[in-house]
mmCIF file of all heavy atoms, coordinates in Angstrom:
data_MODEL
# 
_entry.id   MODEL 
# 
loop_
_atom_site.group_PDB 
_atom_site.id 
_atom_site.type_symbol 
_atom_site.label_atom_id 
_atom_site.label_alt_id 
_atom_site.label_comp_id 
_atom_site.label_asym_id 
_atom_site.label_entity_id 
_atom_site.label_seq_id 
_atom_site.pdbx_PDB_ins_code 
_atom_site.Cartn_x 
_atom_site.Cartn_y 
_atom_site.Cartn_z 
_atom_site.occupancy 
_atom_site.B_iso_or_equiv 
_atom_site.pdbx_formal_charge 
_atom_site.auth_seq_id 
_atom_site.auth_comp_id 
_atom_site.auth_asym_id 
_atom_site.auth_atom_id 
_atom_site.pdbx_PDB_model_num 
ATOM 1   N N   . TYR A 1 1  ? 161.968 116.134 119.466 1.00 0.00 ? 1  TYR A N   1 
ATOM 2   C CA  . TYR A 1 1  ? 160.726 115.451 119.789 1.00 0.00 ? 1  TYR A CA  1 
ATOM 3   C C   . TYR A 1 1  ? 159.647 115.780 118.766 1.00 0.00 ? 1  TYR A C   1 
ATOM 4   O O   . TYR A 1 1  ? 159.511 116.928 118.341 1.00 0.00 ? 1  TYR A O   1 
ATOM 5   C CB  . TYR A 1 1  ? 160.230 115.870 121.172 1.00 0.00 ? 1  TYR A CB  1 
ATOM 6   C CG  . TYR A 1 1  ? 161.136 115.445 122.306 1.00 0.00 ? 1  TYR A CG  1 
ATOM 7   C CD1 . TYR A 1 1  ? 162.199 116.245 122.701 1.00 0.00 ? 1  TYR A CD1 1 
ATOM 8   C CD2 . TYR A 1 1  ? 160.929 114.236 122.966 1.00 0.00 ? 1  TYR A CD2 1 
ATOM 9   C CE1 . TYR A 1 1  ? 163.035 115.863 123.742 1.00 0.00 ? 1  TYR A CE1 1 
ATOM 10  C CE2 . TYR A 1 1  ? 161.758 113.841 124.011 1.00 0.00 ? 1  TYR A CE2 1 
ATOM 11  C CZ  . TYR A 1 1  ? 162.810 114.661 124.382 1.00 0.00 ? 1  TYR A CZ  1 
ATOM 12  O OH  . TYR A 1 1  ? 163.639 114.278 125.404 1.00 0.00 ? 1  TYR A OH  1 
ATOM 13  N N   . ALA A 1 2  ? 158.885 114.753 118.399 1.00 0.00 ? 2  ALA A N   1 
ATOM 14  C CA  . ALA A 1 2  ? 157.655 114.927 117.636 1.00 0.00 ? 2  ALA A CA  1 
ATOM 15  C C   . ALA A 1 2  ? 156.505 114.764 118.618 1.00 0.00 ? 2  ALA A C   1 
ATOM 16  O O   . ALA A 1 2  ? 156.299 113.684 119.186 1.00 0.00 ? 2  ALA A O   1 
ATOM 17  C CB  . ALA A 1 2  ? 157.549 113.891 116.524 1.00 0.00 ? 2  ALA A CB  1 
ATOM 18  N N   . LEU A 1 3  ? 155.763 115.843 118.865 1.00 0.00 ? 3  LEU A N   1 
ATOM 19  C CA  . LEU A 1 3  ? 154.713 115.855 119.880 1.00 0.00 ? 3  LEU A CA  1 
ATOM 20  C C   . LEU A 1 3  ? 153.334 115.943 119.237 1.00 0.00 ? 3  LEU A C   1 
ATOM 21  O O   . LEU A 1 3  ? 153.144 116.623 118.231 1.00 0.00 ? 3  LEU A O   1 
ATOM 22  C CB  . LEU A 1 3  ? 154.892 117.045 120.823 1.00 0.00 ? 3  LEU A CB  1 
ATOM 23  C CG  . LEU A 1 3  ? 156.232 117.174 121.542 1.00 0.00 ? 3  LEU A CG  1 
ATOM 24  C CD1 . LEU A 1 3  ? 156.229 118.412 122.427 1.00 0.00 ? 3  LEU A CD1 1 
ATOM 25  C CD2 . LEU A 1 3  ? 156.531 115.929 122.361 1.00 0.00 ? 3  LEU A CD2 1 
ATOM 26  N N   . SER A 1 4  ? 152.394 115.275 119.845 1.00 0.00 ? 4  SER A N   1 
ATOM 27  C CA  . SER A 1 4  ? 151.008 115.345 119.385 1.00 0.00 ? 4  SER A CA  1 
ATOM 28  C C   . SER A 1 4  ? 150.418 116.698 119.728 1.00 0.00 ? 4  SER A C   1 
ATOM 29  O O   . SER A 1 4  ? 150.570 117.195 120.852 1.00 0.00 ? 4  SER A O   1 
ATOM 30  C CB  . SER A 1 4  ? 150.185 114.236 120.059 1.00 0.00 ? 4  SER A CB  1 
ATOM 31  O OG  . SER A 1 4  ? 148.803 114.459 119.868 1.00 0.00 ? 4  SER A OG  1 
ATOM 32  N N   . MET A 1 5  ? 149.710 117.301 118.772 1.00 0.00 ? 5  MET A N   1 
ATOM 33  C CA  . MET A 1 5  ? 149.040 118.570 119.027 1.00 0.00 ? 5  MET A CA  1 
ATOM 34  C C   . MET A 1 5  ? 147.721 118.363 119.759 1.00 0.00 ? 5  MET A C   1 
ATOM 35  O O   . MET A 1 5  ? 147.067 119.330 120.152 1.00 0.00 ? 5  MET A O   1 
ATOM 36  C CB  . MET A 1 5  ? 148.813 119.323 117.721 1.00 0.00 ? 5  MET A CB  1 
ATOM 37  C CG  . MET A 1 5  ? 150.091 119.728 117.018 1.00 0.00 ? 5  MET A CG  1 
ATOM 38  S SD  . MET A 1 5  ? 149.848 120.810 115.598 1.00 0.00 ? 5  MET A SD  1 
ATOM 39  C CE  . MET A 1 5  ? 149.431 122.343 116.410 1.00 0.00 ? 5  MET A CE  1 
ATOM 40  N N   . GLN A 1 6  ? 147.331 117.106 119.976 1.00 0.00 ? 6  GLN A N   1 
ATOM 41  C CA  . GLN A 1 6  ? 146.112 116.810 120.709 1.00 0.00 ? 6  GLN A CA  1 
ATOM 42  C C   . GLN A 1 6  ? 146.337 116.771 122.216 1.00 0.00 ? 6  GLN A C   1 
ATOM 43  O O   . GLN A 1 6  ? 145.557 117.322 122.984 1.00 0.00 ? 6  GLN A O   1 
ATOM 44  C CB  . GLN A 1 6  ? 145.529 115.464 120.239 1.00 0.00 ? 6  GLN A CB  1 
ATOM 45  C CG  . GLN A 1 6  ? 145.126 115.446 118.784 1.00 0.00 ? 6  GLN A CG  1 
ATOM 46  C CD  . GLN A 1 6  ? 143.996 116.405 118.488 1.00 0.00 ? 6  GLN A CD  1 
ATOM 47  O OE1 . GLN A 1 6  ? 143.079 116.583 119.291 1.00 0.00 ? 6  GLN A OE1 1 
ATOM 48  N NE2 . GLN A 1 6  ? 144.046 117.047 117.325 1.00 0.00 ? 6  GLN A NE2 1 
ATOM 49  N N   . ASN A 1 7  ? 147.435 116.118 122.634 1.00 0.00 ? 7  ASN A N   1 
ATOM 50  C CA  . ASN A 1 7  ? 147.656 115.951 124.073 1.00 0.00 ? 7  ASN A CA  1 
ATOM 51  C C   . ASN A 1 7  ? 149.118 116.056 124.485 1.00 0.00 ? 7  ASN A C   1 
ATOM 52  O O   . ASN A 1 7  ? 149.448 115.788 125.642 1.00 0.00 ? 7  ASN A O   1 
ATOM 53  C CB  . ASN A 1 7  ? 147.095 114.600 124.540 1.00 0.00 ? 7  ASN A CB  1 
ATOM 54  C CG  . ASN A 1 7  ? 147.674 113.437 123.739 1.00 0.00 ? 7  ASN A CG  1 
ATOM 55  O OD1 . ASN A 1 7  ? 148.754 113.548 123.152 1.00 0.00 ? 7  ASN A OD1 1 
ATOM 56  N ND2 . ASN A 1 7  ? 146.949 112.339 123.689 1.00 0.00 ? 7  ASN A ND2 1 
ATOM 57  N N   . GLY A 1 8  ? 149.995 116.447 123.566 1.00 0.00 ? 8  GLY A N   1 
ATOM 58  C CA  . GLY A 1 8  ? 151.398 116.624 123.914 1.00 0.00 ? 8  GLY A CA  1 
ATOM 59  C C   . GLY A 1 8  ? 152.187 115.351 124.063 1.00 0.00 ? 8  GLY A C   1 
ATOM 60  O O   . GLY A 1 8  ? 153.369 115.385 124.457 1.00 0.00 ? 8  GLY A O   1 
ATOM 61  N N   . SER A 1 9  ? 151.590 114.194 123.778 1.00 0.00 ? 9  SER A N   1 
ATOM 62  C CA  . SER A 1 9  ? 152.316 112.932 123.901 1.00 0.00 ? 9  SER A CA  1 
ATOM 63  C C   . SER A 1 9  ? 153.419 112.852 122.847 1.00 0.00 ? 9  SER A C   1 
ATOM 64  O O   . SER A 1 9  ? 153.348 113.479 121.788 1.00 0.00 ? 9  SER A O   1 
ATOM 65  C CB  . SER A 1 9  ? 151.358 111.747 123.750 1.00 0.00 ? 9  SER A CB  1 
ATOM 66  O OG  . SER A 1 9  ? 150.738 111.769 122.466 1.00 0.00 ? 9  SER A OG  1 
ATOM 67  N N   . VAL A 1 10 ? 154.451 112.066 123.154 1.00 0.00 ? 10 VAL A N   1 
ATOM 68  C CA  . VAL A 1 10 ? 155.613 111.951 122.281 1.00 0.00 ? 10 VAL A CA  1 
ATOM 69  C C   . VAL A 1 10 ? 155.394 110.825 121.275 1.00 0.00 ? 10 VAL A C   1 
ATOM 70  O O   . VAL A 1 10 ? 155.167 109.674 121.655 1.00 0.00 ? 10 VAL A O   1 
ATOM 71  C CB  . VAL A 1 10 ? 156.891 111.685 123.099 1.00 0.00 ? 10 VAL A CB  1 
ATOM 72  C CG1 . VAL A 1 10 ? 158.085 111.500 122.166 1.00 0.00 ? 10 VAL A CG1 1 
ATOM 73  C CG2 . VAL A 1 10 ? 157.145 112.825 124.075 1.00 0.00 ? 10 VAL A CG2 1 
ATOM 74  N N   . TYR A 1 11 ? 155.442 111.165 120.000 1.00 0.00 ? 11 TYR A N   1 
ATOM 75  C CA  . TYR A 1 11 ? 155.418 110.131 118.965 1.00 0.00 ? 11 TYR A CA  1 
ATOM 76  C C   . TYR A 1 11 ? 156.788 109.476 118.857 1.00 0.00 ? 11 TYR A C   1 
ATOM 77  O O   . TYR A 1 11 ? 156.911 108.256 118.920 1.00 0.00 ? 11 TYR A O   1 
ATOM 78  C CB  . TYR A 1 11 ? 155.010 110.735 117.613 1.00 0.00 ? 11 TYR A CB  1 
ATOM 79  C CG  . TYR A 1 11 ? 153.569 111.132 117.519 1.00 0.00 ? 11 TYR A CG  1 
ATOM 80  C CD1 . TYR A 1 11 ? 153.201 112.410 117.092 1.00 0.00 ? 11 TYR A CD1 1 
ATOM 81  C CD2 . TYR A 1 11 ? 152.552 110.248 117.847 1.00 0.00 ? 11 TYR A CD2 1 
ATOM 82  C CE1 . TYR A 1 11 ? 151.871 112.786 116.990 1.00 0.00 ? 11 TYR A CE1 1 
ATOM 83  C CE2 . TYR A 1 11 ? 151.212 110.615 117.750 1.00 0.00 ? 11 TYR A CE2 1 
ATOM 84  C CZ  . TYR A 1 11 ? 150.887 111.889 117.329 1.00 0.00 ? 11 TYR A CZ  1 
ATOM 85  O OH  . TYR A 1 11 ? 149.577 112.261 117.237 1.00 0.00 ? 11 TYR A OH  1 
ATOM 86  N N   . TRP A 1 12 ? 157.818 110.304 118.659 1.00 0.00 ? 12 TRP A N   1 
ATOM 87  C CA  . TRP A 1 12 ? 159.179 109.768 118.599 1.00 0.00 ? 12 TRP A CA  1 
ATOM 88  C C   . TRP A 1 12 ? 160.170 110.791 119.115 1.00 0.00 ? 12 TRP A C   1 
ATOM 89  O O   . TRP A 1 12 ? 159.870 111.991 119.196 1.00 0.00 ? 12 TRP A O   1 
ATOM 90  C CB  . TRP A 1 12 ? 159.560 109.320 117.186 1.00 0.00 ? 12 TRP A CB  1 
ATOM 91  C CG  . TRP A 1 12 ? 159.389 110.316 116.063 1.00 0.00 ? 12 TRP A CG  1 
ATOM 92  C CD1 . TRP A 1 12 ? 158.428 110.306 115.112 1.00 0.00 ? 12 TRP A CD1 1 
ATOM 93  C CD2 . TRP A 1 12 ? 160.225 111.460 115.762 1.00 0.00 ? 12 TRP A CD2 1 
ATOM 94  N NE1 . TRP A 1 12 ? 158.585 111.374 114.236 1.00 0.00 ? 12 TRP A NE1 1 
ATOM 95  C CE2 . TRP A 1 12 ? 159.688 112.088 114.615 1.00 0.00 ? 12 TRP A CE2 1 
ATOM 96  C CE3 . TRP A 1 12 ? 161.368 112.003 116.339 1.00 0.00 ? 12 TRP A CE3 1 
ATOM 97  C CZ2 . TRP A 1 12 ? 160.246 113.232 114.046 1.00 0.00 ? 12 TRP A CZ2 1 
ATOM 98  C CZ3 . TRP A 1 12 ? 161.925 113.159 115.781 1.00 0.00 ? 12 TRP A CZ3 1 
ATOM 99  C CH2 . TRP A 1 12 ? 161.372 113.748 114.656 1.00 0.00 ? 12 TRP A CH2 1 
ATOM 100 N N   . LYS A 1 13 ? 161.328 110.287 119.504 1.00 0.00 ? 13 LYS A N   1 
ATOM 101 C CA  . LYS A 1 13 ? 162.449 111.134 119.909 1.00 0.00 ? 13 LYS A CA  1 
ATOM 102 C C   . LYS A 1 13 ? 163.669 110.726 119.102 1.00 0.00 ? 13 LYS A C   1 
ATOM 103 O O   . LYS A 1 13 ? 164.068 109.569 119.104 1.00 0.00 ? 13 LYS A O   1 
ATOM 104 C CB  . LYS A 1 13 ? 162.755 110.994 121.402 1.00 0.00 ? 13 LYS A CB  1 
ATOM 105 C CG  . LYS A 1 13 ? 163.930 111.861 121.846 1.00 0.00 ? 13 LYS A CG  1 
ATOM 106 C CD  . LYS A 1 13 ? 164.248 111.681 123.325 1.00 0.00 ? 13 LYS A CD  1 
ATOM 107 C CE  . LYS A 1 13 ? 165.052 110.433 123.579 1.00 0.00 ? 13 LYS A CE  1 
ATOM 108 N NZ  . LYS A 1 13 ? 165.557 110.360 124.967 1.00 0.00 ? 13 LYS A NZ  1 
ATOM 109 N N   . ALA A 1 14 ? 164.263 111.681 118.393 1.00 0.00 ? 14 ALA A N   1 
ATOM 110 C CA  . ALA A 1 14 ? 165.481 111.443 117.614 1.00 0.00 ? 14 ALA A CA  1 
ATOM 111 C C   . ALA A 1 14 ? 166.632 112.186 118.272 1.00 0.00 ? 14 ALA A C   1 
ATOM 112 O O   . ALA A 1 14 ? 166.505 113.361 118.619 1.00 0.00 ? 14 ALA A O   1 
ATOM 113 C CB  . ALA A 1 14 ? 165.306 111.911 116.168 1.00 0.00 ? 14 ALA A CB  1 
ATOM 114 N N   . THR A 1 15 ? 167.754 111.503 118.440 1.00 0.00 ? 15 THR A N   1 
ATOM 115 C CA  . THR A 1 15 ? 168.921 112.107 119.071 1.00 0.00 ? 15 THR A CA  1 
ATOM 116 C C   . THR A 1 15 ? 170.027 112.273 118.044 1.00 0.00 ? 15 THR A C   1 
ATOM 117 O O   . THR A 1 15 ? 170.532 111.287 117.505 1.00 0.00 ? 15 THR A O   1 
ATOM 118 C CB  . THR A 1 15 ? 169.437 111.243 120.235 1.00 0.00 ? 15 THR A CB  1 
ATOM 119 O OG1 . THR A 1 15 ? 168.388 111.096 121.207 1.00 0.00 ? 15 THR A OG1 1 
ATOM 120 C CG2 . THR A 1 15 ? 170.637 111.895 120.900 1.00 0.00 ? 15 THR A CG2 1 
ATOM 121 N N   . LEU A 1 16 ? 170.368 113.522 117.736 1.00 0.00 ? 16 LEU A N   1 
ATOM 122 C CA  . LEU A 1 16 ? 171.488 113.825 116.847 1.00 0.00 ? 16 LEU A CA  1 
ATOM 123 C C   . LEU A 1 16 ? 172.754 114.011 117.670 1.00 0.00 ? 16 LEU A C   1 
ATOM 124 O O   . LEU A 1 16 ? 172.700 114.412 118.829 1.00 0.00 ? 16 LEU A O   1 
ATOM 125 C CB  . LEU A 1 16 ? 171.215 115.101 116.043 1.00 0.00 ? 16 LEU A CB  1 
ATOM 126 C CG  . LEU A 1 16 ? 170.146 115.024 114.951 1.00 0.00 ? 16 LEU A CG  1 
ATOM 127 C CD1 . LEU A 1 16 ? 169.984 116.389 114.296 1.00 0.00 ? 16 LEU A CD1 1 
ATOM 128 C CD2 . LEU A 1 16 ? 170.500 113.982 113.906 1.00 0.00 ? 16 LEU A CD2 1 
ATOM 129 N N   . LYS A 1 17 ? 173.900 113.781 117.052 1.00 0.00 ? 17 LYS A N   1 
ATOM 130 C CA  . LYS A 1 17 ? 175.177 113.897 117.744 1.00 0.00 ? 17 LYS A CA  1 
ATOM 131 C C   . LYS A 1 17 ? 175.722 115.322 117.696 1.00 0.00 ? 17 LYS A C   1 
ATOM 132 O O   . LYS A 1 17 ? 176.914 115.543 117.527 1.00 0.00 ? 17 LYS A O   1 
ATOM 133 C CB  . LYS A 1 17 ? 176.198 112.926 117.125 1.00 0.00 ? 17 LYS A CB  1 
ATOM 134 C CG  . LYS A 1 17 ? 175.821 111.459 117.282 1.00 0.00 ? 17 LYS A CG  1 
ATOM 135 C CD  . LYS A 1 17 ? 176.875 110.569 116.638 1.00 0.00 ? 17 LYS A CD  1 
ATOM 136 C CE  . LYS A 1 17 ? 176.517 109.104 116.804 1.00 0.00 ? 17 LYS A CE  1 
ATOM 137 N NZ  . LYS A 1 17 ? 177.530 108.227 116.165 1.00 0.00 ? 17 LYS A NZ  1 
ATOM 138 N N   . THR A 1 18 ? 174.846 116.283 117.808 1.00 0.00 ? 18 THR A N   1 
ATOM 139 C CA  . THR A 1 18 ? 175.253 117.685 117.815 1.00 0.00 ? 18 THR A CA  1 
ATOM 140 C C   . THR A 1 18 ? 174.108 118.510 118.355 1.00 0.00 ? 18 THR A C   1 
ATOM 141 O O   . THR A 1 18 ? 172.943 118.096 118.290 1.00 0.00 ? 18 THR A O   1 
ATOM 142 C CB  . THR A 1 18 ? 175.591 118.181 116.397 1.00 0.00 ? 18 THR A CB  1 
ATOM 143 O OG1 . THR A 1 18 ? 175.886 119.585 116.433 1.00 0.00 ? 18 THR A OG1 1 
ATOM 144 C CG2 . THR A 1 18 ? 174.431 117.966 115.444 1.00 0.00 ? 18 THR A CG2 1 
ATOM 145 N N   . GLN A 1 19 ? 174.408 119.670 118.899 1.00 0.00 ? 19 GLN A N   1 
ATOM 146 C CA  . GLN A 1 19 ? 173.358 120.614 119.212 1.00 0.00 ? 19 GLN A CA  1 
ATOM 147 C C   . GLN A 1 19 ? 172.893 121.303 117.934 1.00 0.00 ? 19 GLN A C   1 
ATOM 148 O O   . GLN A 1 19 ? 173.525 121.197 116.887 1.00 0.00 ? 19 GLN A O   1 
ATOM 149 C CB  . GLN A 1 19 ? 173.858 121.659 120.212 1.00 0.00 ? 19 GLN A CB  1 
ATOM 150 C CG  . GLN A 1 19 ? 173.916 121.159 121.642 1.00 0.00 ? 19 GLN A CG  1 
ATOM 151 C CD  . GLN A 1 19 ? 174.009 122.300 122.641 1.00 0.00 ? 19 GLN A CD  1 
ATOM 152 O OE1 . GLN A 1 19 ? 174.469 123.388 122.325 1.00 0.00 ? 19 GLN A OE1 1 
ATOM 153 N NE2 . GLN A 1 19 ? 173.578 122.057 123.864 1.00 0.00 ? 19 GLN A NE2 1 
ATOM 154 N N   . LEU A 1 20 ? 171.787 122.021 118.047 1.00 0.00 ? 20 LEU A N   1 
ATOM 155 C CA  . LEU A 1 20 ? 171.226 122.728 116.902 1.00 0.00 ? 20 LEU A CA  1 
ATOM 156 C C   . LEU A 1 20 ? 171.358 124.230 117.102 1.00 0.00 ? 20 LEU A C   1 
ATOM 157 O O   . LEU A 1 20 ? 171.631 124.702 118.206 1.00 0.00 ? 20 LEU A O   1 
ATOM 158 C CB  . LEU A 1 20 ? 169.753 122.357 116.711 1.00 0.00 ? 20 LEU A CB  1 
ATOM 159 C CG  . LEU A 1 20 ? 169.418 120.864 116.598 1.00 0.00 ? 20 LEU A CG  1 
ATOM 160 C CD1 . LEU A 1 20 ? 167.923 120.689 116.340 1.00 0.00 ? 20 LEU A CD1 1 
ATOM 161 C CD2 . LEU A 1 20 ? 170.227 120.197 115.504 1.00 0.00 ? 20 LEU A CD2 1 
ATOM 162 N N   . THR A 1 21 ? 171.162 124.968 116.024 1.00 0.00 ? 21 THR A N   1 
ATOM 163 C CA  . THR A 1 21 ? 171.203 126.428 116.099 1.00 0.00 ? 21 THR A CA  1 
ATOM 164 C C   . THR A 1 21 ? 169.813 127.028 116.204 1.00 0.00 ? 21 THR A C   1 
ATOM 165 O O   . THR A 1 21 ? 169.676 128.241 116.263 1.00 0.00 ? 21 THR A O   1 
ATOM 166 C CB  . THR A 1 21 ? 171.916 127.012 114.868 1.00 0.00 ? 21 THR A CB  1 
ATOM 167 O OG1 . THR A 1 21 ? 171.212 126.619 113.678 1.00 0.00 ? 21 THR A OG1 1 
ATOM 168 C CG2 . THR A 1 21 ? 173.349 126.500 114.773 1.00 0.00 ? 21 THR A CG2 1 
ATOM 169 N N   . ILE A 1 22 ? 168.763 126.180 116.208 1.00 0.00 ? 22 ILE A N   1 
ATOM 170 C CA  . ILE A 1 22 ? 167.390 126.647 116.373 1.00 0.00 ? 22 ILE A CA  1 
ATOM 171 C C   . ILE A 1 22 ? 166.666 125.694 117.318 1.00 0.00 ? 22 ILE A C   1 
ATOM 172 O O   . ILE A 1 22 ? 167.131 124.577 117.572 1.00 0.00 ? 22 ILE A O   1 
ATOM 173 C CB  . ILE A 1 22 ? 166.626 126.717 115.035 1.00 0.00 ? 22 ILE A CB  1 
ATOM 174 C CG1 . ILE A 1 22 ? 166.600 125.333 114.366 1.00 0.00 ? 22 ILE A CG1 1 
ATOM 175 C CG2 . ILE A 1 22 ? 167.227 127.744 114.105 1.00 0.00 ? 22 ILE A CG2 1 
ATOM 176 C CD1 . ILE A 1 22 ? 165.731 125.273 113.130 1.00 0.00 ? 22 ILE A CD1 1 
ATOM 177 N N   . SER A 1 23 ? 165.522 126.130 117.854 1.00 0.00 ? 23 SER A N   1 
ATOM 178 C CA  . SER A 1 23 ? 164.719 125.294 118.734 1.00 0.00 ? 23 SER A CA  1 
ATOM 179 C C   . SER A 1 23 ? 163.480 124.739 118.029 1.00 0.00 ? 23 SER A C   1 
ATOM 180 O O   . SER A 1 23 ? 163.018 123.654 118.356 1.00 0.00 ? 23 SER A O   1 
ATOM 181 C CB  . SER A 1 23 ? 164.275 126.099 119.961 1.00 0.00 ? 23 SER A CB  1 
ATOM 182 O OG  . SER A 1 23 ? 165.374 126.550 120.691 1.00 0.00 ? 23 SER A OG  1 
ATOM 183 N N   . LYS A 1 24 ? 162.952 125.492 117.091 1.00 0.00 ? 24 LYS A N   1 
ATOM 184 C CA  . LYS A 1 24 ? 161.720 125.115 116.405 1.00 0.00 ? 24 LYS A CA  1 
ATOM 185 C C   . LYS A 1 24 ? 162.042 124.540 115.034 1.00 0.00 ? 24 LYS A C   1 
ATOM 186 O O   . LYS A 1 24 ? 162.804 125.127 114.274 1.00 0.00 ? 24 LYS A O   1 
ATOM 187 C CB  . LYS A 1 24 ? 160.815 126.340 116.268 1.00 0.00 ? 24 LYS A CB  1 
ATOM 188 C CG  . LYS A 1 24 ? 159.565 126.130 115.439 1.00 0.00 ? 24 LYS A CG  1 
ATOM 189 C CD  . LYS A 1 24 ? 158.803 127.439 115.311 1.00 0.00 ? 24 LYS A CD  1 
ATOM 190 C CE  . LYS A 1 24 ? 157.618 127.320 114.385 1.00 0.00 ? 24 LYS A CE  1 
ATOM 191 N NZ  . LYS A 1 24 ? 156.898 128.605 114.237 1.00 0.00 ? 24 LYS A NZ  1 
ATOM 192 N N   . LEU A 1 25 ? 161.458 123.387 114.724 1.00 0.00 ? 25 LEU A N   1 
ATOM 193 C CA  . LEU A 1 25 ? 161.639 122.770 113.421 1.00 0.00 ? 25 LEU A CA  1 
ATOM 194 C C   . LEU A 1 25 ? 160.296 122.750 112.711 1.00 0.00 ? 25 LEU A C   1 
ATOM 195 O O   . LEU A 1 25 ? 159.307 122.243 113.247 1.00 0.00 ? 25 LEU A O   1 
ATOM 196 C CB  . LEU A 1 25 ? 162.193 121.352 113.551 1.00 0.00 ? 25 LEU A CB  1 
ATOM 197 C CG  . LEU A 1 25 ? 163.632 121.259 114.080 1.00 0.00 ? 25 LEU A CG  1 
ATOM 198 C CD1 . LEU A 1 25 ? 163.631 121.117 115.589 1.00 0.00 ? 25 LEU A CD1 1 
ATOM 199 C CD2 . LEU A 1 25 ? 164.364 120.093 113.452 1.00 0.00 ? 25 LEU A CD2 1 
ATOM 200 N N   . VAL A 1 26 ? 160.254 123.306 111.511 1.00 0.00 ? 26 VAL A N   1 
ATOM 201 C CA  . VAL A 1 26 ? 158.999 123.438 110.764 1.00 0.00 ? 26 VAL A CA  1 
ATOM 202 C C   . VAL A 1 26 ? 158.911 122.332 109.718 1.00 0.00 ? 26 VAL A C   1 
ATOM 203 O O   . VAL A 1 26 ? 159.789 122.225 108.862 1.00 0.00 ? 26 VAL A O   1 
ATOM 204 C CB  . VAL A 1 26 ? 158.916 124.818 110.076 1.00 0.00 ? 26 VAL A CB  1 
ATOM 205 C CG1 . VAL A 1 26 ? 157.610 124.951 109.307 1.00 0.00 ? 26 VAL A CG1 1 
ATOM 206 C CG2 . VAL A 1 26 ? 159.037 125.929 111.111 1.00 0.00 ? 26 VAL A CG2 1 
ATOM 207 N N   . PRO A 1 27 ? 157.882 121.487 109.771 1.00 0.00 ? 27 PRO A N   1 
ATOM 208 C CA  . PRO A 1 27 ? 157.774 120.411 108.777 1.00 0.00 ? 27 PRO A CA  1 
ATOM 209 C C   . PRO A 1 27 ? 157.415 120.976 107.407 1.00 0.00 ? 27 PRO A C   1 
ATOM 210 O O   . PRO A 1 27 ? 156.650 121.936 107.290 1.00 0.00 ? 27 PRO A O   1 
ATOM 211 C CB  . PRO A 1 27 ? 156.653 119.537 109.335 1.00 0.00 ? 27 PRO A CB  1 
ATOM 212 C CG  . PRO A 1 27 ? 155.835 120.458 110.187 1.00 0.00 ? 27 PRO A CG  1 
ATOM 213 C CD  . PRO A 1 27 ? 156.793 121.457 110.759 1.00 0.00 ? 27 PRO A CD  1 
ATOM 214 N N   . TYR A 1 28 ? 157.974 120.351 106.380 1.00 0.00 ? 28 TYR A N   1 
ATOM 215 C CA  . TYR A 1 28 ? 157.692 120.774 105.003 1.00 0.00 ? 28 TYR A CA  1 
ATOM 216 C C   . TYR A 1 28 ? 157.878 119.564 104.101 1.00 0.00 ? 28 TYR A C   1 
ATOM 217 O O   . TYR A 1 28 ? 158.944 118.929 104.099 1.00 0.00 ? 28 TYR A O   1 
ATOM 218 C CB  . TYR A 1 28 ? 158.632 121.900 104.579 1.00 0.00 ? 28 TYR A CB  1 
ATOM 219 C CG  . TYR A 1 28 ? 158.354 122.437 103.191 1.00 0.00 ? 28 TYR A CG  1 
ATOM 220 C CD1 . TYR A 1 28 ? 157.331 123.364 102.968 1.00 0.00 ? 28 TYR A CD1 1 
ATOM 221 C CD2 . TYR A 1 28 ? 159.090 122.009 102.092 1.00 0.00 ? 28 TYR A CD2 1 
ATOM 222 C CE1 . TYR A 1 28 ? 157.067 123.852 101.709 1.00 0.00 ? 28 TYR A CE1 1 
ATOM 223 C CE2 . TYR A 1 28 ? 158.827 122.483 100.823 1.00 0.00 ? 28 TYR A CE2 1 
ATOM 224 C CZ  . TYR A 1 28 ? 157.813 123.410 100.627 1.00 0.00 ? 28 TYR A CZ  1 
ATOM 225 O OH  . TYR A 1 28 ? 157.545 123.882 99.362  1.00 0.00 ? 28 TYR A OH  1 
ATOM 226 N N   . GLN A 1 29 ? 156.827 119.215 103.375 1.00 0.00 ? 29 GLN A N   1 
ATOM 227 C CA  . GLN A 1 29 ? 156.841 118.074 102.463 1.00 0.00 ? 29 GLN A CA  1 
ATOM 228 C C   . GLN A 1 29 ? 157.373 116.820 103.149 1.00 0.00 ? 29 GLN A C   1 
ATOM 229 O O   . GLN A 1 29 ? 158.160 116.059 102.582 1.00 0.00 ? 29 GLN A O   1 
ATOM 230 C CB  . GLN A 1 29 ? 157.666 118.389 101.214 1.00 0.00 ? 29 GLN A CB  1 
ATOM 231 C CG  . GLN A 1 29 ? 157.064 119.458 100.329 1.00 0.00 ? 29 GLN A CG  1 
ATOM 232 C CD  . GLN A 1 29 ? 157.828 119.656 99.029  1.00 0.00 ? 29 GLN A CD  1 
ATOM 233 O OE1 . GLN A 1 29 ? 158.800 118.940 98.749  1.00 0.00 ? 29 GLN A OE1 1 
ATOM 234 N NE2 . GLN A 1 29 ? 157.400 120.612 98.213  1.00 0.00 ? 29 GLN A NE2 1 
# 
């Protein structure tokens, strides 16, 4: 999920065909 830091609303939801090894994704460039 991409969430707004203003009110927590969802901008978009992307579904990958696998689980992840982390919970937090840090944006970069």
